PDB file of N, CA and C in Angstrom:
ATOM      1  N   MET A   1     -20.986   4.850 -10.427  1.00  0.00           N
ATOM      2  CA  MET A   1     -21.244   3.399 -10.136  1.00  0.00           C
ATOM      3  C   MET A   1     -22.395   3.311  -9.103  1.00  0.00           C
ATOM      4  N   ILE A   2     -22.920   2.330  -9.150  1.00  0.00           N
ATOM      5  CA  ILE A   2     -24.064   1.942  -8.241  1.00  0.00           C
ATOM      6  C   ILE A   2     -23.513   0.662  -7.567  1.00  0.00           C
ATOM      7  N   VAL A   3     -23.837   0.344  -6.176  1.00  0.00           N
ATOM      8  CA  VAL A   3     -23.427  -0.858  -5.736  1.00  0.00           C
ATOM      9  C   VAL A   3     -24.634  -1.637  -5.258  1.00  0.00           C
ATOM     10  N   VAL A   4     -24.796  -2.846  -5.857  1.00  0.00           N
ATOM     11  CA  VAL A   4     -25.893  -3.681  -5.653  1.00  0.00           C
ATOM     12  C   VAL A   4     -25.499  -4.959  -5.110  1.00  0.00           C
ATOM     13  N   THR A   5     -26.368  -6.007  -4.518  1.00  0.00           N
ATOM     14  CA  THR A   5     -26.003  -7.029  -3.956  1.00  0.00           C
ATOM     15  C   THR A   5     -26.750  -8.135  -4.632  1.00  0.00           C
ATOM     16  N   ARG A   6     -25.832  -9.122  -4.763  1.00  0.00           N
ATOM     17  CA  ARG A   6     -26.438 -10.534  -5.505  1.00  0.00           C
ATOM     18  C   ARG A   6     -27.159 -11.440  -4.590  1.00  0.00           C
ATOM     19  N   LEU A   7     -27.788 -12.316  -5.026  1.00  0.00           N
ATOM     20  CA  LEU A   7     -28.606 -13.067  -3.956  1.00  0.00           C
ATOM     21  C   LEU A   7     -27.658 -13.805  -3.015  1.00  0.00           C
ATOM     22  N   ASN A   8     -26.265 -14.129  -3.433  1.00  0.00           N
ATOM     23  CA  ASN A   8     -25.501 -14.872  -2.526  1.00  0.00           C
ATOM     24  C   ASN A   8     -24.788 -13.791  -1.604  1.00  0.00           C
ATOM     25  N   ASP A   9     -25.202 -12.608  -1.460  1.00  0.00           N
ATOM     26  CA  ASP A   9     -24.796 -11.525  -0.596  1.00  0.00           C
ATOM     27  C   ASP A   9     -23.567 -10.775  -1.047  1.00  0.00           C
ATOM     28  N   THR A  10     -22.980 -11.270  -2.092  1.00  0.00           N
ATOM     29  CA  THR A  10     -21.659 -10.434  -2.647  1.00  0.00           C
ATOM     30  C   THR A  10     -22.119  -9.272  -3.365  1.00  0.00           C
ATOM     31  N   ARG A  11     -21.525  -8.092  -2.928  1.00  0.00           N
ATOM     32  CA  ARG A  11     -21.724  -6.834  -3.580  1.00  0.00           C
ATOM     33  C   ARG A  11     -20.879  -6.523  -4.853  1.00  0.00           C
ATOM     34  N   PHE A  12     -21.406  -5.782  -5.642  1.00  0.00           N
ATOM     35  CA  PHE A  12     -20.555  -5.373  -6.749  1.00  0.00           C
ATOM     36  C   PHE A  12     -21.138  -4.014  -7.572  1.00  0.00           C
ATOM     37  N   ALA A  13     -20.386  -3.377  -8.220  1.00  0.00           N
ATOM     38  CA  ALA A  13     -20.711  -1.989  -8.776  1.00  0.00           C
ATOM     39  C   ALA A  13     -21.149  -2.332 -10.241  1.00  0.00           C
ATOM     40  N   VAL A  14     -21.968  -1.423 -10.643  1.00  0.00           N
ATOM     41  CA  VAL A  14     -22.427  -1.517 -12.147  1.00  0.00           C
ATOM     42  C   VAL A  14     -22.633  -0.167 -12.490  1.00  0.00           C
ATOM     43  N   ASN A  15     -22.173   0.191 -13.880  1.00  0.00           N
ATOM     44  CA  ASN A  15     -22.364   1.549 -14.359  1.00  0.00           C
ATOM     45  C   ASN A  15     -23.791   1.677 -14.569  1.00  0.00           C
ATOM     46  N   PRO A  16     -24.590   2.616 -14.066  1.00  0.00           N
ATOM     47  CA  PRO A  16     -25.943   2.734 -14.238  1.00  0.00           C
ATOM     48  C   PRO A  16     -26.279   3.138 -15.714  1.00  0.00           C
ATOM     49  N   ASP A  17     -25.211   3.822 -16.302  1.00  0.00           N
ATOM     50  CA  ASP A  17     -25.539   4.286 -17.783  1.00  0.00           C
ATOM     51  C   ASP A  17     -25.568   3.057 -18.763  1.00  0.00           C
ATOM     52  N   LEU A  18     -25.067   1.748 -18.261  1.00  0.00           N
ATOM     53  CA  LEU A  18     -25.313   0.549 -19.126  1.00  0.00           C
ATOM     54  C   LEU A  18     -26.413  -0.135 -18.815  1.00  0.00           C
ATOM     55  N   ILE A  19     -27.124   0.216 -17.831  1.00  0.00           N
ATOM     56  CA  ILE A  19     -28.566  -0.645 -17.472  1.00  0.00           C
ATOM     57  C   ILE A  19     -29.672  -0.291 -18.386  1.00  0.00           C
ATOM     58  N   GLU A  20     -30.099  -1.212 -19.171  1.00  0.00           N
ATOM     59  CA  GLU A  20     -30.957  -0.970 -20.236  1.00  0.00           C
ATOM     60  C   GLU A  20     -32.508  -1.208 -19.712  1.00  0.00           C
ATOM     61  N   ARG A  21     -32.746  -2.244 -18.507  1.00  0.00           N
ATOM     62  CA  ARG A  21     -33.804  -2.454 -18.159  1.00  0.00           C
ATOM     63  C   ARG A  21     -33.776  -2.963 -16.869  1.00  0.00           C
ATOM     64  N   VAL A  22     -34.593  -2.835 -15.864  1.00  0.00           N
ATOM     65  CA  VAL A  22     -34.704  -3.328 -14.608  1.00  0.00           C
ATOM     66  C   VAL A  22     -36.194  -3.955 -14.460  1.00  0.00           C
ATOM     67  N   GLN A  23     -36.144  -5.218 -14.056  1.00  0.00           N
ATOM     68  CA  GLN A  23     -37.557  -5.638 -14.040  1.00  0.00           C
ATOM     69  C   GLN A  23     -37.548  -6.424 -12.726  1.00  0.00           C
ATOM     70  N   GLU A  24     -38.869  -6.702 -12.079  1.00  0.00           N
ATOM     71  CA  GLU A  24     -39.061  -7.426 -10.859  1.00  0.00           C
ATOM     72  C   GLU A  24     -40.108  -8.416 -11.134  1.00  0.00           C
ATOM     73  N   SER A  25     -39.705  -9.612 -10.809  1.00  0.00           N
ATOM     74  CA  SER A  25     -40.894 -10.601 -10.941  1.00  0.00           C
ATOM     75  C   SER A  25     -40.558 -12.001 -10.285  1.00  0.00           C
ATOM     76  N   PRO A  26     -40.379 -12.345  -9.208  1.00  0.00           N
ATOM     77  CA  PRO A  26     -40.496 -11.420  -8.058  1.00  0.00           C
ATOM     78  C   PRO A  26     -38.990 -10.852  -7.723  1.00  0.00           C
ATOM     79  N   ASP A  27     -37.870 -11.392  -8.229  1.00  0.00           N
ATOM     80  CA  ASP A  27     -36.611 -10.969  -8.008  1.00  0.00           C
ATOM     81  C   ASP A  27     -36.302  -9.757  -9.001  1.00  0.00           C
ATOM     82  N   THR A  28     -35.351  -8.874  -8.573  1.00  0.00           N
ATOM     83  CA  THR A  28     -34.915  -7.854  -9.296  1.00  0.00           C
ATOM     84  C   THR A  28     -33.925  -8.270 -10.272  1.00  0.00           C
ATOM     85  N   THR A  29     -34.015  -7.977 -11.539  1.00  0.00           N
ATOM     86  CA  THR A  29     -33.015  -8.279 -12.694  1.00  0.00           C
ATOM     87  C   THR A  29     -32.658  -7.053 -13.242  1.00  0.00           C
ATOM     88  N   LEU A  30     -31.428  -6.813 -13.425  1.00  0.00           N
ATOM     89  CA  LEU A  30     -30.892  -5.604 -14.081  1.00  0.00           C
ATOM     90  C   LEU A  30     -30.285  -6.395 -15.604  1.00  0.00           C
ATOM     91  N   THR A  31     -30.806  -5.787 -16.595  1.00  0.00           N
ATOM     92  CA  THR A  31     -30.396  -6.342 -17.915  1.00  0.00           C
ATOM     93  C   THR A  31     -29.460  -4.974 -18.452  1.00  0.00           C
ATOM     94  N   LEU A  32     -28.298  -5.354 -18.874  1.00  0.00           N
ATOM     95  CA  LEU A  32     -27.300  -4.384 -19.503  1.00  0.00           C
ATOM     96  C   LEU A  32     -27.511  -4.215 -20.965  1.00  0.00           C
ATOM     97  N   VAL A  33     -26.933  -3.155 -21.531  1.00  0.00           N
ATOM     98  CA  VAL A  33     -27.249  -2.978 -22.942  1.00  0.00           C
ATOM     99  C   VAL A  33     -26.445  -4.042 -23.770  1.00  0.00           C
ATOM    100  N   GLY A  34     -25.557  -4.632 -23.327  1.00  0.00           N
ATOM    101  CA  GLY A  34     -24.677  -5.714 -23.982  1.00  0.00           C
ATOM    102  C   GLY A  34     -25.611  -7.139 -23.710  1.00  0.00           C
ATOM    103  N   GLY A  35     -26.486  -7.283 -23.053  1.00  0.00           N
ATOM    104  CA  GLY A  35     -27.394  -8.482 -22.937  1.00  0.00           C
ATOM    105  C   GLY A  35     -26.918  -9.198 -21.532  1.00  0.00           C
ATOM    106  N   THR A  36     -26.134  -8.730 -20.773  1.00  0.00           N
ATOM    107  CA  THR A  36     -25.694  -9.299 -19.432  1.00  0.00           C
ATOM    108  C   THR A  36     -26.697  -9.062 -18.451  1.00  0.00           C
ATOM    109  N   SER A  37     -27.121 -10.076 -17.755  1.00  0.00           N
ATOM    110  CA  SER A  37     -28.332  -9.686 -16.548  1.00  0.00           C
ATOM    111  C   SER A  37     -27.739 -10.099 -15.325  1.00  0.00           C
ATOM    112  N   TYR A  38     -28.050  -9.430 -14.429  1.00  0.00           N
ATOM    113  CA  TYR A  38     -27.858  -9.624 -13.065  1.00  0.00           C
ATOM    114  C   TYR A  38     -28.965  -9.704 -12.036  1.00  0.00           C
ATOM    115  N   VAL A  39     -29.218 -10.798 -11.335  1.00  0.00           N
ATOM    116  CA  VAL A  39     -30.187 -10.773 -10.322  1.00  0.00           C
ATOM    117  C   VAL A  39     -29.919 -10.261  -9.048  1.00  0.00           C
ATOM    118  N   VAL A  40     -30.427  -9.300  -8.516  1.00  0.00           N
ATOM    119  CA  VAL A  40     -29.808  -8.466  -7.314  1.00  0.00           C
ATOM    120  C   VAL A  40     -31.116  -8.490  -6.091  1.00  0.00           C
ATOM    121  N   ARG A  41     -30.660  -8.407  -4.982  1.00  0.00           N
ATOM    122  CA  ARG A  41     -31.448  -8.213  -3.815  1.00  0.00           C
ATOM    123  C   ARG A  41     -32.185  -6.975  -3.659  1.00  0.00           C
ATOM    124  N   GLU A  42     -31.880  -5.848  -3.986  1.00  0.00           N
ATOM    125  CA  GLU A  42     -32.542  -4.724  -3.965  1.00  0.00           C
ATOM    126  C   GLU A  42     -33.807  -4.709  -5.026  1.00  0.00           C
ATOM    127  N   SER A  43     -34.883  -4.083  -4.330  1.00  0.00           N
ATOM    128  CA  SER A  43     -36.070  -3.756  -5.203  1.00  0.00           C
ATOM    129  C   SER A  43     -35.897  -2.877  -6.305  1.00  0.00           C
ATOM    130  N   MET A  44     -36.858  -2.968  -7.293  1.00  0.00           N
ATOM    131  CA  MET A  44     -36.649  -2.104  -8.470  1.00  0.00           C
ATOM    132  C   MET A  44     -36.718  -0.630  -8.120  1.00  0.00           C
ATOM    133  N   GLU A  45     -37.392  -0.294  -7.178  1.00  0.00           N
ATOM    134  CA  GLU A  45     -37.639   1.200  -6.542  1.00  0.00           C
ATOM    135  C   GLU A  45     -36.104   1.648  -5.872  1.00  0.00           C
ATOM    136  N   GLN A  46     -35.551   0.558  -5.180  1.00  0.00           N
ATOM    137  CA  GLN A  46     -34.286   0.979  -4.671  1.00  0.00           C
ATOM    138  C   GLN A  46     -33.396   1.201  -5.764  1.00  0.00           C
ATOM    139  N   VAL A  47     -33.175   0.213  -6.749  1.00  0.00           N
ATOM    140  CA  VAL A  47     -32.374   0.477  -7.709  1.00  0.00           C
ATOM    141  C   VAL A  47     -32.475   1.846  -8.567  1.00  0.00           C
ATOM    142  N   ILE A  48     -33.720   2.134  -8.833  1.00  0.00           N
ATOM    143  CA  ILE A  48     -34.116   3.520  -9.565  1.00  0.00           C
ATOM    144  C   ILE A  48     -33.775   4.584  -8.676  1.00  0.00           C
ATOM    145  N   GLU A  49     -33.937   4.477  -7.323  1.00  0.00           N
ATOM    146  CA  GLU A  49     -33.521   5.530  -6.478  1.00  0.00           C
ATOM    147  C   GLU A  49     -31.829   5.794  -6.343  1.00  0.00           C
ATOM    148  N   MET A  50     -31.190   4.750  -6.474  1.00  0.00           N
ATOM    149  CA  MET A  50     -29.838   4.757  -6.394  1.00  0.00           C
ATOM    150  C   MET A  50     -29.122   5.345  -7.784  1.00  0.00           C
ATOM    151  N   ILE A  51     -29.935   4.992  -8.832  1.00  0.00           N
ATOM    152  CA  ILE A  51     -29.498   5.695 -10.235  1.00  0.00           C
ATOM    153  C   ILE A  51     -29.599   7.129 -10.245  1.00  0.00           C
ATOM    154  N   MET A  52     -31.015   7.431  -9.540  1.00  0.00           N
ATOM    155  CA  MET A  52     -31.195   8.979  -9.526  1.00  0.00           C
ATOM    156  C   MET A  52     -30.149   9.640  -8.655  1.00  0.00           C
ATOM    157  N   LYS A  53     -29.884   9.101  -7.491  1.00  0.00           N
ATOM    158  CA  LYS A  53     -28.781   9.699  -6.551  1.00  0.00           C
ATOM    159  C   LYS A  53     -27.404   9.830  -7.322  1.00  0.00           C
ATOM    160  N   PHE A  54     -27.174   8.786  -8.177  1.00  0.00           N
ATOM    161  CA  PHE A  54     -26.002   8.689  -8.891  1.00  0.00           C
ATOM    162  C   PHE A  54     -25.857   9.796  -9.888  1.00  0.00           C
ATOM    163  N   ARG A  55     -26.991  10.061 -10.622  1.00  0.00           N
ATOM    164  CA  ARG A  55     -26.870  11.100 -11.662  1.00  0.00           C
ATOM    165  C   ARG A  55     -26.953  12.470 -11.146  1.00  0.00           C
ATOM    166  N   ALA A  56     -27.674  12.460 -10.068  1.00  0.00           N
ATOM    167  CA  ALA A  56     -27.838  13.902  -9.186  1.00  0.00           C
ATOM    168  C   ALA A  56     -26.362  14.145  -8.620  1.00  0.00           C
ATOM    169  N   GLY A  57     -25.526  13.257  -8.249  1.00  0.00           N
ATOM    170  CA  GLY A  57     -24.165  13.580  -7.784  1.00  0.00           C
ATOM    171  C   GLY A  57     -23.177  13.876  -9.025  1.00  0.00           C
ATOM    172  N   VAL A  58     -23.576  13.340 -10.087  1.00  0.00           N
ATOM    173  CA  VAL A  58     -22.715  13.657 -11.180  1.00  0.00           C
ATOM    174  C   VAL A  58     -22.807  15.142 -11.724  1.00  0.00           C
ATOM    175  N   ILE A  59     -24.229  15.513 -11.800  1.00  0.00           N
ATOM    176  CA  ILE A  59     -24.486  16.967 -12.124  1.00  0.00           C
ATOM    177  C   ILE A  59     -23.940  17.916 -11.092  1.00  0.00           C
ATOM    178  N   ALA A  60     -24.270  17.573  -9.744  1.00  0.00           N
ATOM    179  CA  ALA A  60     -23.662  18.490  -8.614  1.00  0.00           C
ATOM    180  C   ALA A  60     -22.181  18.543  -8.792  1.00  0.00           C
ATOM    181  N   HIS A  61     -21.491  17.736  -9.012  1.00  0.00           N
ATOM    182  CA  HIS A  61     -20.092  17.618  -9.135  1.00  0.00           C
ATOM    183  C   HIS A  61     -19.766  18.437 -10.205  1.00  0.00           C
ATOM    184  N   ALA A  62     -20.354  18.237 -11.285  1.00  0.00           N
ATOM    185  CA  ALA A  62     -20.085  18.969 -12.665  1.00  0.00           C
ATOM    186  C   ALA A  62     -20.174  20.549 -12.438  1.00  0.00           C
ATOM    187  N   ARG A  63     -21.217  20.811 -11.722  1.00  0.00           N
ATOM    188  CA  ARG A  63     -21.612  22.287 -11.412  1.00  0.00           C
ATOM    189  C   ARG A  63     -20.533  23.072 -10.637  1.00  0.00           C
ATOM    190  N   SER A  64     -19.870  22.066  -9.802  1.00  0.00           N
ATOM    191  CA  SER A  64     -18.817  22.676  -8.828  1.00  0.00           C
ATOM    192  C   SER A  64     -17.465  22.943  -9.503  1.00  0.00           C
ATOM    193  N   LEU A  65     -17.275  22.479 -10.871  1.00  0.00           N
ATOM    194  CA  LEU A  65     -16.034  22.572 -11.599  1.00  0.00           C
ATOM    195  C   LEU A  65     -16.096  23.976 -12.512  1.00  0.00           C
ATOM    196  N   PRO A  66     -15.087  24.563 -12.499  1.00  0.00           N
ATOM    197  CA  PRO A  66     -14.962  25.735 -13.407  1.00  0.00           C
ATOM    198  C   PRO A  66     -15.306  25.539 -14.807  1.00  0.00           C
ATOM    199  N   ALA A  67     -16.044  26.408 -15.411  1.00  0.00           N
ATOM    200  CA  ALA A  67     -16.283  26.269 -16.981  1.00  0.00           C
ATOM    201  C   ALA A  67     -15.040  26.451 -17.801  1.00  0.00           C
ATOM    202  N   LEU A  68     -14.742  25.668 -18.736  1.00  0.00           N
ATOM    203  CA  LEU A  68     -13.572  25.874 -19.694  1.00  0.00           C
ATOM    204  C   LEU A  68     -13.425  27.216 -20.112  1.00  0.00           C
ATOM    205  N   ASP A  69     -14.664  27.762 -20.382  1.00  0.00           N
ATOM    206  CA  ASP A  69     -14.508  29.248 -21.077  1.00  0.00           C
ATOM    207  C   ASP A  69     -14.670  30.359 -20.290  1.00  0.00           C
ATOM    208  N   SER A  70     -14.686  30.205 -18.980  1.00  0.00           N
ATOM    209  CA  SER A  70     -14.627  31.071 -17.773  1.00  0.00           C
ATOM    210  C   SER A  70     -13.316  32.056 -17.996  1.00  0.00           C
ATOM    211  N   PRO A  71     -13.247  33.204 -17.805  1.00  0.00           N
ATOM    212  CA  PRO A  71     -12.016  34.171 -17.802  1.00  0.00           C
ATOM    213  C   PRO A  71     -11.204  33.636 -16.691  1.00  0.00           C
ATOM    214  N   GLY A  72     -10.161  33.452 -16.912  1.00  0.00           N
ATOM    215  CA  GLY A  72      -9.059  33.080 -16.067  1.00  0.00           C
ATOM    216  C   GLY A  72      -8.889  31.743 -15.766  1.00  0.00           C
ATOM    217  N   VAL A  73      -9.596  30.956 -16.395  1.00  0.00           N
ATOM    218  CA  VAL A  73      -9.462  29.271 -16.108  1.00  0.00           C
ATOM    219  C   VAL A  73      -8.519  28.828 -17.226  1.00  0.00           C
ATOM    220  N   GLY A  74      -7.535  28.313 -16.912  1.00  0.00           N
ATOM    221  CA  GLY A  74      -6.501  27.714 -17.633  1.00  0.00           C
ATOM    222  C   GLY A  74      -6.561  26.175 -17.623  1.00  0.00           C
ATOM    223  N   ILE A  75      -5.744  25.618 -18.330  1.00  0.00           N
ATOM    224  CA  ILE A  75      -5.942  24.009 -18.609  1.00  0.00           C
ATOM    225  C   ILE A  75      -5.388  23.479 -17.172  1.00  0.00           C
ATOM    226  N   SER A  76      -4.420  24.204 -16.465  1.00  0.00           N
ATOM    227  CA  SER A  76      -3.988  23.627 -15.450  1.00  0.00           C
ATOM    228  C   SER A  76      -4.976  23.451 -14.014  1.00  0.00           C
ATOM    229  N   GLU A  77      -6.159  24.161 -14.488  1.00  0.00           N
ATOM    230  CA  GLU A  77      -7.109  24.013 -13.411  1.00  0.00           C
ATOM    231  C   GLU A  77      -8.095  23.047 -13.861  1.00  0.00           C
ATOM    232  N   VAL A  78      -8.027  22.407 -14.963  1.00  0.00           N
ATOM    233  CA  VAL A  78      -9.211  21.613 -15.448  1.00  0.00           C
ATOM    234  C   VAL A  78      -8.487  20.099 -15.618  1.00  0.00           C
ATOM    235  N   VAL A  79      -7.061  20.126 -16.071  1.00  0.00           N
ATOM    236  CA  VAL A  79      -6.517  18.716 -16.232  1.00  0.00           C
ATOM    237  C   VAL A  79      -6.133  18.445 -14.948  1.00  0.00           C
ATOM    238  N   PRO A  80      -6.465  17.106 -14.414  1.00  0.00           N
ATOM    239  CA  PRO A  80      -5.998  16.518 -13.129  1.00  0.00           C
ATOM    240  C   PRO A  80      -4.410  16.674 -12.958  1.00  0.00           C
ATOM    241  N   LEU A  81      -3.897  16.795 -11.628  1.00  0.00           N
ATOM    242  CA  LEU A  81      -2.542  16.964 -11.470  1.00  0.00           C
ATOM    243  C   LEU A  81      -1.624  15.932 -11.953  1.00  0.00           C
ATOM    244  N   ALA A  82      -2.011  14.592 -11.824  1.00  0.00           N
ATOM    245  CA  ALA A  82      -1.372  13.426 -12.220  1.00  0.00           C
ATOM    246  C   ALA A  82      -1.062  13.582 -13.699  1.00  0.00           C
ATOM    247  N   SER A  83      -1.938  14.039 -14.668  1.00  0.00           N
ATOM    248  CA  SER A  83      -1.883  14.159 -15.899  1.00  0.00           C
ATOM    249  C   SER A  83      -0.933  15.236 -16.283  1.00  0.00           C
ATOM    250  N   ARG A  84      -0.864  16.350 -15.608  1.00  0.00           N
ATOM    251  CA  ARG A  84       0.166  17.427 -15.781  1.00  0.00           C
ATOM    252  C   ARG A  84       1.684  16.931 -15.411  1.00  0.00           C
ATOM    253  N   GLU A  85       1.687  16.026 -14.401  1.00  0.00           N
ATOM    254  CA  GLU A  85       3.063  15.679 -13.845  1.00  0.00           C
ATOM    255  C   GLU A  85       3.609  14.755 -14.884  1.00  0.00           C
ATOM    256  N   LYS A  86       2.866  13.995 -15.553  1.00  0.00           N
ATOM    257  CA  LYS A  86       3.104  13.057 -16.634  1.00  0.00           C
ATOM    258  C   LYS A  86       3.735  13.771 -17.663  1.00  0.00           C
ATOM    259  N   ARG A  87       3.056  14.833 -18.176  1.00  0.00           N
ATOM    260  CA  ARG A  87       3.392  15.664 -19.323  1.00  0.00           C
ATOM    261  C   ARG A  87       4.653  16.271 -18.915  1.00  0.00           C
ATOM    262  N   ALA A  88       4.978  16.797 -17.843  1.00  0.00           N
ATOM    263  CA  ALA A  88       6.032  17.520 -17.367  1.00  0.00           C
ATOM    264  C   ALA A  88       7.256  16.506 -17.359  1.00  0.00           C
ATOM    265  N   ALA A  89       6.872  15.313 -17.007  1.00  0.00           N
ATOM    266  CA  ALA A  89       8.145  14.321 -16.958  1.00  0.00           C
ATOM    267  C   ALA A  89       8.374  13.711 -18.208  1.00  0.00           C
ATOM    268  N   GLY A  90       7.855  14.086 -19.300  1.00  0.00           N
ATOM    269  CA  GLY A  90       8.093  13.761 -20.733  1.00  0.00           C
ATOM    270  C   GLY A  90       7.331  12.666 -21.278  1.00  0.00           C
ATOM    271  N   ALA A  91       6.102  12.399 -20.573  1.00  0.00           N
ATOM    272  CA  ALA A  91       5.227  11.382 -21.392  1.00  0.00           C
ATOM    273  C   ALA A  91       4.443  11.931 -22.385  1.00  0.00           C
ATOM    274  N   PRO A  92       4.514  11.236 -23.505  1.00  0.00           N
ATOM    275  CA  PRO A  92       3.930  11.774 -24.827  1.00  0.00           C
ATOM    276  C   PRO A  92       2.420  12.288 -24.560  1.00  0.00           C
ATOM    277  N   SER A  93       1.852  13.345 -25.174  1.00  0.00           N
ATOM    278  CA  SER A  93       0.631  13.728 -25.006  1.00  0.00           C
ATOM    279  C   SER A  93      -0.204  12.898 -25.892  1.00  0.00           C
ATOM    280  N   ARG A  94      -1.607  13.003 -25.697  1.00  0.00           N
ATOM    281  CA  ARG A  94      -2.580  12.312 -26.589  1.00  0.00           C
ATOM    282  C   ARG A  94      -2.501  12.785 -28.011  1.00  0.00           C
ATOM    283  N   LYS A  95      -2.103  14.159 -28.225  1.00  0.00           N
ATOM    284  CA  LYS A  95      -1.981  14.579 -29.591  1.00  0.00           C
ATOM    285  C   LYS A  95      -0.991  13.994 -30.295  1.00  0.00           C
ATOM    286  N   GLY A  96       0.175  13.645 -29.635  1.00  0.00           N
ATOM    287  CA  GLY A  96       1.291  13.011 -30.470  1.00  0.00           C
ATOM    288  C   GLY A  96       2.464  13.069 -29.708  1.00  0.00           C
TER     289      GLY A  96
END
């Protein structure tokens, strides 16, 4: 998520993967794939920079995770602890 500012100075987070278009004329408008539009204080260049940093962070985080096919990597190292605890307590798994 990236955090942007409305013209009334309230801040909100938006999923950059849902942004279809960013335009500036003169205010910056974010248009999402569903058609929703937001006018924000940030410039088009700032929004694009935030999106690039967000995506770079996702890639950096993914690179720090062990590969599922690496020797010695079990499901317990990939599935978050909370999910493992729920299964151990008898919560149904996604498969049934």
